[in-house]
Every structure is written in structure tokens, then in C-alpha cells.
Amino acid sequence: LSPTKGQALFKGEAIQGPSWQRGVMFQQQALYPWLDVFENVAFGLKVRQQSTQEIQQKVPTLLKMIGLEDYTHDYIFNLSGGMQQRVQLARVLANDPELILMDEPLGALDAITRTKIQALLRKLWHQGNKTYFMITHDIDEALSLATKIIVLSKNPGRIIKTYQVNYTSKAYTASHPNEYMDNRYLQLKDEIYDMLAQE
């Protein structure tokens, strides 16, 4: 879709269509049920005509990284929701994009699975050189994962306020999940909640 107003740019150039440089992880899994886990993760690589040798090396590495190496040849419908989201993440990472767009990818998961995938995303961000752009309605998720938070109003969306934070680094090195939640964290959470509640 073309912008109704203004421009959509990536690294200074107008976005003309899909590109491997921008990966997308959806709220509801958008995997191919007729393909197994390996084939789903390899899909983008095959579209980009990567060699069979490269695919055979890269996909097992990604599956090990997300903890699904034992499910290589399982079909998607045999996996839990959390496992499916991890496959989605591996499929995005396979193309080695510079920017990963995430549309509430963890919203439908149970609390434990969600916390585990948040930890995985935090680890990947700290160990890599990618930009993650996540849409979320969970204030704690935004505070604990982001370095920049943009609070948006209801439709038509407008920017209410922008915050620079770095609780993701504190959470990455914390020995306990709530160790990084200082008074400032709680103040920001209340402030953002109050802003959204007034919309």
C-alpha cells in the first residue's frame, strides 16, 4: 500500500514493496501449515535462491537458537502457540533483515511463554545489530524491551509522548525478573497508563 500522505522511507530510500531487509512477525502466526518447521524457516532463503548448502547450515542453527531443534520435521499444527511464534521469529531471522517489525507477536501467549520469548528477543537484540520495532498494548512489555517508547492515541493515531528508556539492558543482566523495576519504572508505567486511560 502506498502512503496516503508523506513518505515511507527505509535508510533514506522510498519503500516500493516487500524486501528481505525488513522482516515481519505477526500477532497470529502466519506460517505455512503444509510445510514442516524446517521448510517454514527455510522459505525466505529459498525465495532468495540461497544454495541448498547455505540453507542446510543456517536453518538448524536458528532452530537450535530458538530451542526447537527437536521439532525440525514437525508440522505447524502439532506445535503450541509459543512454539509457532518461535518458528515465526526464526523464519524472520533467517533472511538476516536489518529491521524486524513485530505486530503484537506475543499478545496471544500465556504469561510464562510470553516471558520466555521476551527474554529471547532481549538476548537477540543485545547480541546482534538489528532494530526491532514492536507494537504492543502491554506497558510492562514496552518498558522492559524498548530503548524508545512511542505512546500513540486511538484512531486516528497520533503521537502523545516519546520516552527514551533502557530497562532492557537492566533486565538482560538481572538475576531476578523484577530486579530492574525501580521507582522510576513504576512512575513511568503509571504515567503511560494514565495517558492511555484518558484516550
Protein backbone atom coordinates (compact mmCIF):
# COMPACT_ATOMS: atom_id res chain seq x y z
CA LEU A 1 0.00 0.00 0.00
CA SER A 2 1.21 3.47 -0.81
CA PRO A 3 1.18 6.07 1.97
CA THR A 4 -1.93 8.30 1.92
CA LYS A 5 0.28 11.19 2.98
CA GLY A 6 4.02 11.79 3.23
CA GLN A 7 6.63 9.12 2.52
CA ALA A 8 7.67 5.76 3.94
CA LEU A 9 11.45 5.61 3.80
CA PHE A 10 14.00 2.98 4.78
CA LYS A 11 17.57 4.22 5.12
CA GLY A 12 16.65 7.31 3.10
CA GLU A 13 15.06 5.44 0.18
CA ALA A 14 11.34 5.16 -0.57
CA ILE A 15 9.82 1.75 0.22
CA GLN A 16 8.44 0.34 -3.02
CA GLY A 17 7.37 -3.09 -1.79
CA PRO A 18 8.38 -6.09 0.35
CA SER A 19 12.08 -6.65 0.99
CA TRP A 20 14.17 -9.20 2.86
CA GLN A 21 15.77 -6.24 4.68
CA ARG A 22 12.51 -5.77 6.62
CA GLY A 23 11.12 -8.85 8.34
CA VAL A 24 7.63 -9.07 9.84
CA MET A 25 6.41 -11.13 12.80
CA PHE A 26 2.62 -11.15 13.10
CA GLN A 27 0.27 -11.34 16.07
CA GLN A 28 -1.32 -14.53 14.80
CA GLN A 29 1.14 -16.95 13.32
CA ALA A 30 1.32 -16.71 9.54
CA LEU A 31 3.22 -19.92 8.95
CA TYR A 32 2.53 -22.40 6.15
CA PRO A 33 0.68 -25.45 7.57
CA TRP A 34 1.62 -27.67 4.61
CA LEU A 35 5.33 -27.16 5.38
CA ASP A 36 7.22 -28.57 8.35
CA VAL A 37 9.25 -26.42 10.76
CA PHE A 38 12.46 -26.67 8.72
CA GLU A 39 10.71 -25.74 5.48
CA ASN A 40 8.89 -22.79 7.08
CA VAL A 41 12.16 -21.34 8.38
CA ALA A 42 13.89 -22.02 5.04
CA PHE A 43 11.11 -20.44 2.95
CA GLY A 44 12.60 -16.94 2.63
CA LEU A 45 16.04 -18.35 1.91
CA LYS A 46 14.63 -20.42 -0.95
CA VAL A 47 12.79 -17.39 -2.35
CA ARG A 48 16.11 -15.53 -2.31
CA GLN A 49 17.65 -18.54 -4.10
CA GLN A 50 20.19 -19.32 -1.42
CA SER A 51 22.12 -22.52 -2.02
CA THR A 52 20.98 -25.82 -0.51
CA GLN A 53 24.25 -25.95 1.44
CA GLU A 54 23.64 -22.50 2.97
CA ILE A 55 20.08 -23.45 3.91
CA GLN A 56 21.20 -26.76 5.44
CA GLN A 57 23.73 -24.87 7.59
CA LYS A 58 21.61 -21.88 8.59
CA VAL A 59 18.23 -23.41 9.47
CA PRO A 60 19.48 -25.93 12.09
CA THR A 61 21.48 -23.13 13.75
CA LEU A 62 18.35 -20.97 14.00
CA LEU A 63 16.23 -23.86 15.30
CA LYS A 64 18.80 -24.55 18.00
CA MET A 65 18.86 -20.88 18.94
CA ILE A 66 15.08 -20.84 19.49
CA GLY A 67 15.12 -24.24 21.23
CA LEU A 68 13.20 -26.18 18.58
CA GLU A 69 15.92 -28.36 17.10
CA ASP A 70 13.95 -31.47 18.18
CA TYR A 71 10.93 -30.36 16.11
CA THR A 72 12.67 -29.89 12.77
CA HIS A 73 10.27 -32.09 10.80
CA ASP A 74 7.09 -31.47 12.79
CA TYR A 75 4.19 -29.73 11.10
CA ILE A 76 2.97 -26.37 12.43
CA PHE A 77 -0.41 -27.67 13.62
CA ASN A 78 1.39 -30.02 16.03
CA LEU A 79 3.11 -27.12 17.84
CA SER A 80 1.89 -24.96 20.72
CA GLY A 81 1.23 -21.25 20.18
CA GLY A 82 4.54 -20.31 21.78
CA MET A 83 6.45 -22.74 19.60
CA GLN A 84 4.74 -21.41 16.49
CA GLN A 85 5.76 -17.87 17.40
CA ARG A 86 9.35 -19.01 17.83
CA VAL A 87 9.22 -20.58 14.35
CA GLN A 88 7.91 -17.25 13.03
CA LEU A 89 10.83 -15.49 14.68
CA ALA A 90 13.34 -17.94 13.21
CA ARG A 91 11.80 -17.50 9.76
CA VAL A 92 12.23 -13.73 10.04
CA LEU A 93 15.80 -14.04 11.33
CA ALA A 94 16.74 -16.45 8.53
CA ASN A 95 16.82 -13.61 5.99
CA ASP A 96 19.05 -11.56 8.31
CA PRO A 97 16.94 -8.37 7.97
CA GLU A 98 18.16 -5.06 9.33
CA LEU A 99 14.69 -4.18 10.67
CA ILE A 100 12.18 -6.54 12.31
CA LEU A 101 8.59 -5.29 12.54
CA MET A 102 6.53 -7.01 15.22
CA ASP A 103 2.75 -6.59 15.35
CA GLU A 104 1.79 -7.66 18.88
CA PRO A 105 3.54 -11.01 18.35
CA LEU A 106 3.24 -12.11 21.98
CA GLY A 107 -0.28 -10.92 22.77
CA ALA A 108 -1.98 -14.30 22.45
CA LEU A 109 0.57 -16.25 24.52
CA ASP A 110 0.33 -17.42 28.11
CA ALA A 111 2.33 -15.46 30.70
CA ILE A 112 5.20 -17.96 31.07
CA THR A 113 5.70 -18.45 27.32
CA ARG A 114 5.46 -14.70 26.77
CA THR A 115 8.16 -14.02 29.38
CA LYS A 116 10.45 -16.62 27.78
CA ILE A 117 10.08 -15.16 24.30
CA GLN A 118 10.60 -11.63 25.65
CA ALA A 119 13.87 -12.89 27.17
CA LEU A 120 14.84 -14.43 23.82
CA LEU A 121 14.12 -11.17 21.97
CA ARG A 122 16.13 -9.22 24.52
CA LYS A 123 19.05 -11.62 24.11
CA LEU A 124 18.91 -11.45 20.31
CA TRP A 125 18.84 -7.65 20.39
CA HIS A 126 21.79 -7.42 22.78
CA GLN A 127 23.86 -9.92 20.83
CA GLY A 128 23.03 -8.65 17.34
CA ASN A 129 22.86 -5.48 15.30
CA LYS A 130 19.19 -5.37 14.33
CA THR A 131 16.42 -2.89 15.01
CA TYR A 132 13.19 -4.30 16.46
CA PHE A 133 10.02 -2.23 16.08
CA MET A 134 7.28 -3.74 18.23
CA ILE A 135 3.64 -2.76 18.59
CA THR A 136 2.27 -3.76 21.99
CA HIS A 137 -0.58 -2.86 24.32
CA ASP A 138 1.38 -4.18 27.30
CA ILE A 139 3.10 -1.31 29.14
CA ASP A 140 5.44 -3.66 31.04
CA GLU A 141 6.46 -5.29 27.78
CA ALA A 142 7.27 -1.91 26.26
CA LEU A 143 9.26 -0.76 29.29
CA SER A 144 11.23 -3.98 29.67
CA LEU A 145 12.11 -4.44 25.98
CA ALA A 146 12.40 -0.98 24.45
CA THR A 147 15.02 1.72 24.32
CA LYS A 148 12.44 4.10 22.85
CA ILE A 149 8.70 4.10 23.57
CA ILE A 150 6.23 5.99 21.41
CA VAL A 151 2.80 6.29 23.04
CA LEU A 152 0.01 6.57 20.46
CA SER A 153 -3.57 7.77 20.76
CA LYS A 154 -6.63 5.95 19.47
CA ASN A 155 -7.69 6.37 15.85
CA PRO A 156 -6.67 8.48 14.13
CA GLY A 157 -3.33 7.62 15.71
CA ARG A 158 -1.14 10.48 16.83
CA ILE A 159 1.99 10.58 18.95
CA ILE A 160 1.16 11.57 22.53
CA LYS A 161 4.62 11.26 24.03
CA THR A 162 8.01 9.66 23.42
CA TYR A 163 10.28 8.17 26.09
CA GLN A 164 13.93 7.14 26.00
CA VAL A 165 14.43 4.19 28.37
CA ASN A 166 16.92 1.39 28.88
CA TYR A 167 15.32 -1.17 31.17
CA THR A 168 16.00 -3.82 28.55
CA SER A 169 19.72 -3.71 29.42
CA LYS A 170 18.95 -3.88 33.14
CA ALA A 171 16.56 -6.79 32.54
CA TYR A 172 19.18 -8.58 30.41
CA THR A 173 21.68 -8.62 33.27
CA ALA A 174 19.15 -9.03 36.11
CA SER A 175 19.23 -12.20 38.18
CA HIS A 176 15.52 -11.87 39.02
CA PRO A 177 12.74 -10.84 36.58
CA ASN A 178 11.60 -7.88 38.69
CA GLU A 179 15.05 -6.67 39.77
CA TYR A 180 15.07 -3.83 37.24
CA MET A 181 11.69 -2.39 38.32
CA ASP A 182 12.84 0.64 40.27
CA ASN A 183 10.72 3.62 41.35
CA ARG A 184 11.26 5.37 38.03
CA TYR A 185 9.98 2.29 36.19
CA LEU A 186 6.80 2.26 38.29
CA GLN A 187 6.33 6.01 37.79
CA LEU A 188 6.66 5.66 34.01
CA LYS A 189 4.22 2.76 33.99
CA ASP A 190 1.63 4.78 35.92
CA GLU A 191 2.19 7.83 33.71
CA ILE A 192 1.73 5.89 30.48
CA TYR A 193 -1.32 4.11 31.87
CA ASP A 194 -2.93 7.41 32.84
CA MET A 195 -2.26 8.82 29.36
CA LEU A 196 -3.86 5.85 27.64
CA ALA A 197 -6.80 5.73 30.06
CA GLN A 198 -7.73 9.28 29.11
CA GLU A 199 -7.94 8.44 25.43
